[in-house]
Amino acid sequence: MHLSTVRDLDDLVRLVESEGGDELYVRWSRGPQVDLGEGLEQASRDGLTGIRLPGLSANSLRREAWWGGRSLRLWLARRLYDYQHLPDLRGPDVRPWVLRGREVARGPDNEPLVHCERPLAWVADEVLHEARKLVDEQGSREWGPMDRR
């Protein structure tokens, strides 16, 4: 399965704007070829219990109404920043990718569990570096990634 690659935050903004962000998600995994392999049920596993979850664990890229007219670029940067630790935790072949999907349930961390309707793009490492820099520039000592280690 060939996917294009988002090379910078501006590319990601354009993708979200052109696709309409309401049903777009970012997933950190080995990719759609693994997650959506032929005959596979789209499912994740709960890290604590090992229970099979009824969808792919992902995070919405939809800009929430309370964010108002603030920067979509910063919104997307923080959505990527939250889970940048996952390749360190799960292996270097774990990468973020963007998908169009529909939510089917909520996971144990209240994350959306989605059914992927269409994989859209890989997210390059350069985008993650750019996201980290932009978030760090905000200077908040009270906010950080979702890393539980």
N, C-alpha and C. Protein backbone atom coordinates (compact mmCIF):
# COMPACT_ATOMS: atom_id res chain seq x y z
N MET A 1 0.85 -1.18 0.00
CA MET A 1 0.00 0.00 0.00
C MET A 1 0.89 1.24 0.00
N HIS A 2 0.78 2.04 -1.03
CA HIS A 2 1.59 3.25 -1.13
C HIS A 2 0.83 4.44 -0.55
N LEU A 3 1.48 5.15 0.37
CA LEU A 3 0.92 6.38 0.93
C LEU A 3 1.87 7.52 0.65
N SER A 4 1.32 8.70 0.44
CA SER A 4 2.16 9.88 0.35
C SER A 4 2.69 10.18 1.75
N THR A 5 3.62 11.10 1.84
CA THR A 5 4.20 11.47 3.12
C THR A 5 4.06 12.96 3.33
N VAL A 6 3.54 13.33 4.49
CA VAL A 6 3.46 14.73 4.92
C VAL A 6 4.86 15.10 5.39
N ARG A 7 5.46 16.14 4.79
CA ARG A 7 6.87 16.48 5.04
C ARG A 7 7.08 17.61 6.05
N ASP A 8 6.05 18.44 6.29
CA ASP A 8 6.17 19.50 7.30
C ASP A 8 4.78 19.83 7.83
N LEU A 9 4.74 20.64 8.87
CA LEU A 9 3.45 20.99 9.48
C LEU A 9 2.52 21.68 8.50
N ASP A 10 3.08 22.49 7.63
CA ASP A 10 2.23 23.17 6.64
C ASP A 10 1.57 22.16 5.70
N ASP A 11 2.28 21.09 5.34
CA ASP A 11 1.68 20.02 4.54
C ASP A 11 0.53 19.37 5.29
N LEU A 12 0.71 19.15 6.59
CA LEU A 12 -0.34 18.54 7.39
C LEU A 12 -1.56 19.46 7.49
N VAL A 13 -1.32 20.75 7.66
CA VAL A 13 -2.43 21.72 7.68
C VAL A 13 -3.20 21.65 6.36
N ARG A 14 -2.48 21.63 5.25
CA ARG A 14 -3.15 21.56 3.93
C ARG A 14 -3.96 20.27 3.80
N LEU A 15 -3.41 19.16 4.26
CA LEU A 15 -4.12 17.88 4.19
C LEU A 15 -5.41 17.95 5.01
N VAL A 16 -5.32 18.44 6.23
CA VAL A 16 -6.50 18.52 7.10
C VAL A 16 -7.54 19.47 6.50
N GLU A 17 -7.10 20.59 5.99
CA GLU A 17 -8.04 21.54 5.39
C GLU A 17 -8.69 20.97 4.13
N SER A 18 -7.91 20.27 3.31
CA SER A 18 -8.47 19.76 2.05
C SER A 18 -9.38 18.55 2.28
N GLU A 19 -9.10 17.76 3.30
CA GLU A 19 -9.90 16.56 3.58
C GLU A 19 -11.06 16.84 4.52
N GLY A 20 -11.07 18.01 5.14
CA GLY A 20 -12.08 18.28 6.17
C GLY A 20 -11.71 17.48 7.40
N GLY A 21 -11.32 18.15 8.46
CA GLY A 21 -10.70 17.50 9.61
C GLY A 21 -11.59 16.70 10.53
N ASP A 22 -12.90 16.72 10.35
CA ASP A 22 -13.79 16.10 11.32
C ASP A 22 -13.60 14.59 11.46
N GLU A 23 -13.21 13.91 10.43
CA GLU A 23 -13.08 12.46 10.49
C GLU A 23 -11.64 12.02 10.25
N LEU A 24 -10.70 12.91 10.53
CA LEU A 24 -9.28 12.58 10.36
C LEU A 24 -8.66 12.26 11.71
N TYR A 25 -7.81 11.26 11.69
CA TYR A 25 -7.15 10.78 12.91
C TYR A 25 -5.70 10.53 12.61
N VAL A 26 -4.89 10.57 13.68
CA VAL A 26 -3.50 10.14 13.57
C VAL A 26 -3.37 8.87 14.40
N ARG A 27 -2.70 7.89 13.82
CA ARG A 27 -2.47 6.61 14.50
C ARG A 27 -0.98 6.34 14.52
N TRP A 28 -0.48 5.85 15.63
CA TRP A 28 0.93 5.49 15.79
C TRP A 28 1.01 3.97 15.76
N SER A 29 1.56 3.43 14.69
CA SER A 29 1.65 1.98 14.56
C SER A 29 2.68 1.64 13.49
N ARG A 30 2.71 0.38 13.11
CA ARG A 30 3.60 -0.07 12.04
C ARG A 30 3.01 0.23 10.67
N GLY A 31 1.82 0.81 10.65
CA GLY A 31 1.23 1.29 9.41
C GLY A 31 -0.02 0.56 8.98
N PRO A 32 -0.68 1.12 7.98
CA PRO A 32 -1.93 0.55 7.52
C PRO A 32 -1.79 -0.85 6.93
N GLN A 33 -0.64 -1.15 6.36
CA GLN A 33 -0.46 -2.49 5.80
C GLN A 33 -0.55 -3.55 6.90
N VAL A 34 -0.03 -3.23 8.08
CA VAL A 34 -0.11 -4.15 9.22
C VAL A 34 -1.50 -4.08 9.86
N ASP A 35 -1.99 -2.87 10.11
CA ASP A 35 -3.26 -2.69 10.80
C ASP A 35 -4.47 -3.13 9.99
N LEU A 36 -4.37 -3.00 8.67
CA LEU A 36 -5.51 -3.28 7.81
C LEU A 36 -5.26 -4.48 6.90
N GLY A 37 -4.29 -5.31 7.27
CA GLY A 37 -3.95 -6.45 6.44
C GLY A 37 -5.17 -7.27 6.06
N GLU A 38 -5.07 -7.94 4.94
CA GLU A 38 -6.19 -8.70 4.40
C GLU A 38 -6.75 -9.68 5.43
N GLY A 39 -8.05 -9.60 5.64
CA GLY A 39 -8.73 -10.51 6.55
C GLY A 39 -8.61 -10.15 8.01
N LEU A 40 -7.89 -9.09 8.34
CA LEU A 40 -7.73 -8.71 9.74
C LEU A 40 -8.87 -7.81 10.19
N GLU A 41 -9.33 -8.07 11.40
CA GLU A 41 -10.30 -7.18 12.01
C GLU A 41 -9.54 -5.96 12.50
N GLN A 42 -10.06 -4.78 12.28
CA GLN A 42 -9.40 -3.57 12.73
C GLN A 42 -9.55 -3.48 14.25
N ALA A 43 -8.46 -3.74 14.97
CA ALA A 43 -8.52 -3.76 16.43
C ALA A 43 -7.17 -3.39 17.01
N SER A 44 -7.22 -2.85 18.21
CA SER A 44 -6.03 -2.58 19.01
C SER A 44 -6.14 -3.43 20.27
N ARG A 45 -5.09 -3.39 21.09
CA ARG A 45 -5.11 -4.09 22.37
C ARG A 45 -4.85 -3.10 23.49
N ASP A 46 -5.55 -3.29 24.59
CA ASP A 46 -5.32 -2.48 25.79
C ASP A 46 -3.96 -2.87 26.37
N GLY A 47 -3.09 -1.89 26.57
CA GLY A 47 -1.75 -2.15 27.08
C GLY A 47 -1.72 -2.72 28.48
N LEU A 48 -2.70 -2.42 29.30
CA LEU A 48 -2.72 -2.90 30.69
C LEU A 48 -3.22 -4.34 30.79
N THR A 49 -4.32 -4.65 30.12
CA THR A 49 -4.98 -5.95 30.29
C THR A 49 -4.79 -6.89 29.11
N GLY A 50 -4.42 -6.36 27.94
CA GLY A 50 -4.31 -7.17 26.75
C GLY A 50 -5.63 -7.41 26.05
N ILE A 51 -6.71 -6.83 26.56
CA ILE A 51 -8.03 -7.01 25.96
C ILE A 51 -8.03 -6.44 24.55
N ARG A 52 -8.64 -7.18 23.64
CA ARG A 52 -8.79 -6.73 22.25
C ARG A 52 -9.85 -5.63 22.22
N LEU A 53 -9.50 -4.50 21.64
CA LEU A 53 -10.40 -3.35 21.55
C LEU A 53 -11.09 -3.34 20.19
N PRO A 54 -12.33 -2.86 20.12
CA PRO A 54 -13.12 -2.96 18.89
C PRO A 54 -12.84 -1.89 17.84
N GLY A 55 -11.61 -1.50 17.69
CA GLY A 55 -11.23 -0.51 16.70
C GLY A 55 -9.76 -0.17 16.86
N LEU A 56 -9.26 0.65 15.99
CA LEU A 56 -7.87 1.09 16.04
C LEU A 56 -7.75 2.31 16.95
N SER A 57 -6.86 2.23 17.90
CA SER A 57 -6.62 3.36 18.79
C SER A 57 -5.99 4.49 17.98
N ALA A 58 -6.58 5.66 18.04
CA ALA A 58 -6.10 6.80 17.26
C ALA A 58 -6.47 8.08 17.99
N ASN A 59 -6.01 9.20 17.48
CA ASN A 59 -6.36 10.49 18.06
C ASN A 59 -6.88 11.41 16.98
N SER A 60 -7.93 12.09 17.32
CA SER A 60 -8.59 12.98 16.37
C SER A 60 -7.72 14.17 16.03
N LEU A 61 -7.77 14.58 14.78
CA LEU A 61 -7.11 15.81 14.35
C LEU A 61 -8.10 16.96 14.26
N ARG A 62 -9.37 16.68 14.57
CA ARG A 62 -10.41 17.71 14.49
C ARG A 62 -10.10 18.84 15.48
N ARG A 63 -10.15 20.05 14.96
CA ARG A 63 -9.96 21.23 15.81
C ARG A 63 -11.25 21.45 16.58
N GLU A 64 -11.15 21.45 17.88
CA GLU A 64 -12.33 21.64 18.74
C GLU A 64 -12.81 23.09 18.69
N ALA A 65 -14.11 23.26 18.87
CA ALA A 65 -14.73 24.59 18.79
C ALA A 65 -14.12 25.56 19.81
N TRP A 66 -13.77 25.06 20.99
CA TRP A 66 -13.22 25.94 22.02
C TRP A 66 -11.86 26.52 21.62
N TRP A 67 -11.19 25.90 20.66
CA TRP A 67 -9.89 26.40 20.18
C TRP A 67 -10.08 27.70 19.39
N GLY A 68 -11.31 27.90 18.91
CA GLY A 68 -11.63 29.13 18.19
C GLY A 68 -10.81 29.28 16.91
N GLY A 69 -10.41 30.51 16.65
CA GLY A 69 -9.65 30.82 15.43
C GLY A 69 -8.15 30.70 15.60
N ARG A 70 -7.73 30.08 16.71
CA ARG A 70 -6.29 29.93 16.92
C ARG A 70 -5.68 29.05 15.82
N SER A 71 -4.39 29.01 15.80
CA SER A 71 -3.61 28.35 14.77
C SER A 71 -3.91 26.84 14.65
N LEU A 72 -4.33 26.43 13.46
CA LEU A 72 -4.50 25.00 13.18
C LEU A 72 -3.14 24.32 13.22
N ARG A 73 -2.13 25.02 12.82
CA ARG A 73 -0.76 24.48 12.82
C ARG A 73 -0.34 24.09 14.24
N LEU A 74 -0.60 24.97 15.23
CA LEU A 74 -0.27 24.67 16.62
C LEU A 74 -1.15 23.54 17.14
N TRP A 75 -2.43 23.53 16.78
CA TRP A 75 -3.33 22.45 17.19
C TRP A 75 -2.78 21.09 16.74
N LEU A 76 -2.40 21.01 15.48
CA LEU A 76 -1.89 19.75 14.94
C LEU A 76 -0.55 19.39 15.56
N ALA A 77 0.28 20.39 15.82
CA ALA A 77 1.58 20.14 16.46
C ALA A 77 1.38 19.49 17.82
N ARG A 78 0.44 19.99 18.60
CA ARG A 78 0.25 19.41 19.93
C ARG A 78 -0.38 18.03 19.84
N ARG A 79 -1.17 17.75 18.81
CA ARG A 79 -1.75 16.41 18.64
C ARG A 79 -0.63 15.40 18.34
N LEU A 80 0.39 15.81 17.60
CA LEU A 80 1.52 14.93 17.33
C LEU A 80 2.46 14.84 18.53
N TYR A 81 2.67 15.94 19.18
CA TYR A 81 3.60 16.02 20.31
C TYR A 81 3.19 15.05 21.42
N ASP A 82 1.89 14.92 21.65
CA ASP A 82 1.38 14.10 22.75
C ASP A 82 1.93 12.68 22.77
N TYR A 83 2.16 12.10 21.61
CA TYR A 83 2.50 10.68 21.54
C TYR A 83 3.84 10.40 20.86
N GLN A 84 4.73 11.38 20.83
CA GLN A 84 6.02 11.19 20.17
C GLN A 84 6.89 10.14 20.85
N HIS A 85 6.56 9.75 22.06
CA HIS A 85 7.34 8.75 22.79
C HIS A 85 7.06 7.32 22.33
N LEU A 86 6.01 7.11 21.54
CA LEU A 86 5.60 5.75 21.19
C LEU A 86 6.65 4.95 20.40
N PRO A 87 7.39 5.55 19.46
CA PRO A 87 8.44 4.75 18.81
C PRO A 87 9.49 4.24 19.80
N ASP A 88 9.83 5.04 20.81
CA ASP A 88 10.78 4.59 21.83
C ASP A 88 10.20 3.44 22.65
N LEU A 89 8.92 3.50 22.89
CA LEU A 89 8.25 2.50 23.72
C LEU A 89 7.94 1.22 22.95
N ARG A 90 7.49 1.36 21.70
CA ARG A 90 7.00 0.20 20.95
C ARG A 90 7.91 -0.26 19.82
N GLY A 91 8.95 0.51 19.55
CA GLY A 91 9.88 0.10 18.50
C GLY A 91 10.01 1.14 17.41
N PRO A 92 11.18 1.19 16.77
CA PRO A 92 11.47 2.23 15.79
C PRO A 92 10.62 2.15 14.52
N ASP A 93 9.96 1.00 14.30
CA ASP A 93 9.11 0.90 13.10
C ASP A 93 7.70 1.42 13.36
N VAL A 94 7.45 1.94 14.56
CA VAL A 94 6.16 2.58 14.88
C VAL A 94 6.26 4.03 14.45
N ARG A 95 5.31 4.44 13.59
CA ARG A 95 5.31 5.80 13.02
C ARG A 95 3.89 6.33 13.00
N PRO A 96 3.75 7.64 12.96
CA PRO A 96 2.40 8.19 12.83
C PRO A 96 1.94 8.21 11.37
N TRP A 97 0.65 7.96 11.19
CA TRP A 97 0.04 8.07 9.88
C TRP A 97 -1.37 8.61 10.05
N VAL A 98 -1.82 9.29 9.02
CA VAL A 98 -3.13 9.95 9.05
C VAL A 98 -4.12 9.10 8.30
N LEU A 99 -5.33 9.01 8.86
CA LEU A 99 -6.38 8.23 8.24
C LEU A 99 -7.71 8.95 8.33
N ARG A 100 -8.59 8.61 7.41
CA ARG A 100 -9.99 9.01 7.50
C ARG A 100 -10.71 7.82 8.10
N GLY A 101 -11.50 8.07 9.14
CA GLY A 101 -12.17 6.96 9.80
C GLY A 101 -13.42 7.40 10.51
N ARG A 102 -14.08 6.42 11.11
CA ARG A 102 -15.25 6.74 11.92
C ARG A 102 -15.07 6.09 13.28
N GLU A 103 -15.44 6.84 14.30
CA GLU A 103 -15.30 6.35 15.66
C GLU A 103 -16.34 5.27 15.92
N VAL A 104 -15.88 4.15 16.52
CA VAL A 104 -16.79 3.04 16.84
C VAL A 104 -16.92 2.82 18.34
N ALA A 105 -15.97 3.35 19.12
CA ALA A 105 -16.00 3.20 20.58
C ALA A 105 -14.94 4.13 21.16
N ARG A 106 -14.80 4.09 22.48
CA ARG A 106 -13.75 4.82 23.18
C ARG A 106 -12.88 3.80 23.91
N GLY A 107 -11.58 4.06 23.94
CA GLY A 107 -10.65 3.16 24.60
C GLY A 107 -10.51 3.45 26.08
N PRO A 108 -9.65 2.70 26.76
CA PRO A 108 -9.49 2.83 28.20
C PRO A 108 -8.90 4.18 28.64
N ASP A 109 -8.24 4.89 27.75
CA ASP A 109 -7.74 6.23 28.05
C ASP A 109 -8.65 7.29 27.44
N ASN A 110 -9.86 6.89 27.12
CA ASN A 110 -10.87 7.74 26.49
C ASN A 110 -10.48 8.17 25.08
N GLU A 111 -9.55 7.46 24.47
CA GLU A 111 -9.15 7.75 23.09
C GLU A 111 -10.17 7.16 22.13
N PRO A 112 -10.32 7.78 20.97
CA PRO A 112 -11.21 7.19 19.96
C PRO A 112 -10.67 5.85 19.48
N LEU A 113 -11.57 4.91 19.33
CA LEU A 113 -11.28 3.66 18.63
C LEU A 113 -12.01 3.77 17.31
N VAL A 114 -11.27 3.66 16.22
CA VAL A 114 -11.84 3.98 14.92
C VAL A 114 -11.76 2.80 13.95
N HIS A 115 -12.65 2.85 12.99
CA HIS A 115 -12.59 1.96 11.83
C HIS A 115 -12.01 2.82 10.71
N CYS A 116 -10.88 2.41 10.18
CA CYS A 116 -10.21 3.16 9.11
C CYS A 116 -10.98 2.96 7.81
N GLU A 117 -11.40 4.06 7.24
CA GLU A 117 -12.06 4.02 5.93
C GLU A 117 -11.06 4.24 4.80
N ARG A 118 -10.01 5.04 5.11
CA ARG A 118 -9.00 5.29 4.08
C ARG A 118 -7.72 5.82 4.70
N PRO A 119 -6.60 5.13 4.54
CA PRO A 119 -5.31 5.68 4.95
C PRO A 119 -4.97 6.85 4.03
N LEU A 120 -4.40 7.92 4.59
CA LEU A 120 -4.12 9.11 3.78
C LEU A 120 -2.63 9.39 3.61
N ALA A 121 -1.86 9.37 4.69
CA ALA A 121 -0.45 9.77 4.56
C ALA A 121 0.36 9.37 5.78
N TRP A 122 1.63 9.09 5.55
CA TRP A 122 2.59 8.96 6.62
C TRP A 122 2.94 10.35 7.12
N VAL A 123 3.43 10.45 8.34
CA VAL A 123 3.92 11.72 8.88
C VAL A 123 5.43 11.56 9.07
N ALA A 124 6.20 12.38 8.37
CA ALA A 124 7.67 12.28 8.40
C ALA A 124 8.22 12.74 9.76
N ASP A 125 9.41 12.22 10.08
CA ASP A 125 10.09 12.60 11.32
C ASP A 125 10.29 14.11 11.42
N GLU A 126 10.53 14.74 10.28
CA GLU A 126 10.74 16.19 10.28
C GLU A 126 9.53 16.93 10.82
N VAL A 127 8.34 16.41 10.57
CA VAL A 127 7.11 17.03 11.08
C VAL A 127 7.09 16.91 12.60
N LEU A 128 7.53 15.78 13.13
CA LEU A 128 7.56 15.59 14.58
C LEU A 128 8.55 16.54 15.24
N HIS A 129 9.70 16.74 14.61
CA HIS A 129 10.69 17.69 15.14
C HIS A 129 10.12 19.11 15.13
N GLU A 130 9.46 19.43 14.04
CA GLU A 130 8.85 20.77 13.91
C GLU A 130 7.75 20.95 14.96
N ALA A 131 6.95 19.90 15.19
CA ALA A 131 5.88 19.97 16.18
C ALA A 131 6.46 20.17 17.58
N ARG A 132 7.50 19.42 17.90
CA ARG A 132 8.14 19.55 19.23
C ARG A 132 8.66 20.97 19.43
N LYS A 133 9.32 21.51 18.41
CA LYS A 133 9.88 22.86 18.51
C LYS A 133 8.77 23.89 18.73
N LEU A 134 7.69 23.78 17.97
CA LEU A 134 6.59 24.73 18.08
C LEU A 134 5.93 24.65 19.46
N VAL A 135 5.72 23.44 19.95
CA VAL A 135 5.12 23.28 21.28
C VAL A 135 6.07 23.80 22.35
N ASP A 136 7.34 23.46 22.25
CA ASP A 136 8.32 23.94 23.23
C ASP A 136 8.41 25.46 23.26
N GLU A 137 8.23 26.09 22.11
CA GLU A 137 8.27 27.55 22.02
C GLU A 137 7.13 28.22 22.80
N GLN A 138 6.09 27.46 23.13
CA GLN A 138 4.97 28.03 23.88
C GLN A 138 5.36 28.30 25.34
N GLY A 139 6.43 27.65 25.81
CA GLY A 139 6.99 27.93 27.12
C GLY A 139 6.15 27.50 28.31
N SER A 140 5.30 26.52 28.16
CA SER A 140 4.47 26.05 29.27
C SER A 140 5.21 24.98 30.06
N ARG A 141 5.33 25.20 31.36
CA ARG A 141 5.95 24.21 32.24
C ARG A 141 4.90 23.24 32.78
N GLU A 142 3.63 23.49 32.50
CA GLU A 142 2.55 22.67 33.03
C GLU A 142 2.01 21.68 32.01
N TRP A 143 2.61 21.60 30.85
CA TRP A 143 2.06 20.78 29.78
C TRP A 143 3.15 19.95 29.16
N GLY A 144 2.84 18.70 28.82
CA GLY A 144 3.82 17.84 28.20
C GLY A 144 3.18 16.65 27.54
N PRO A 145 4.00 15.73 27.02
CA PRO A 145 3.48 14.58 26.30
C PRO A 145 2.77 13.59 27.23
N MET A 146 2.07 12.63 26.65
CA MET A 146 1.30 11.64 27.39
C MET A 146 2.15 10.44 27.81
N ASP A 147 3.43 10.60 27.92
CA ASP A 147 4.36 9.53 28.26
C ASP A 147 4.19 9.15 29.73
N ARG A 148 3.83 7.90 29.98
CA ARG A 148 3.60 7.43 31.35
C ARG A 148 4.86 6.89 32.02
N ARG A 149 5.96 6.83 31.30
CA ARG A 149 7.18 6.26 31.90
C ARG A 149 7.72 7.14 32.98
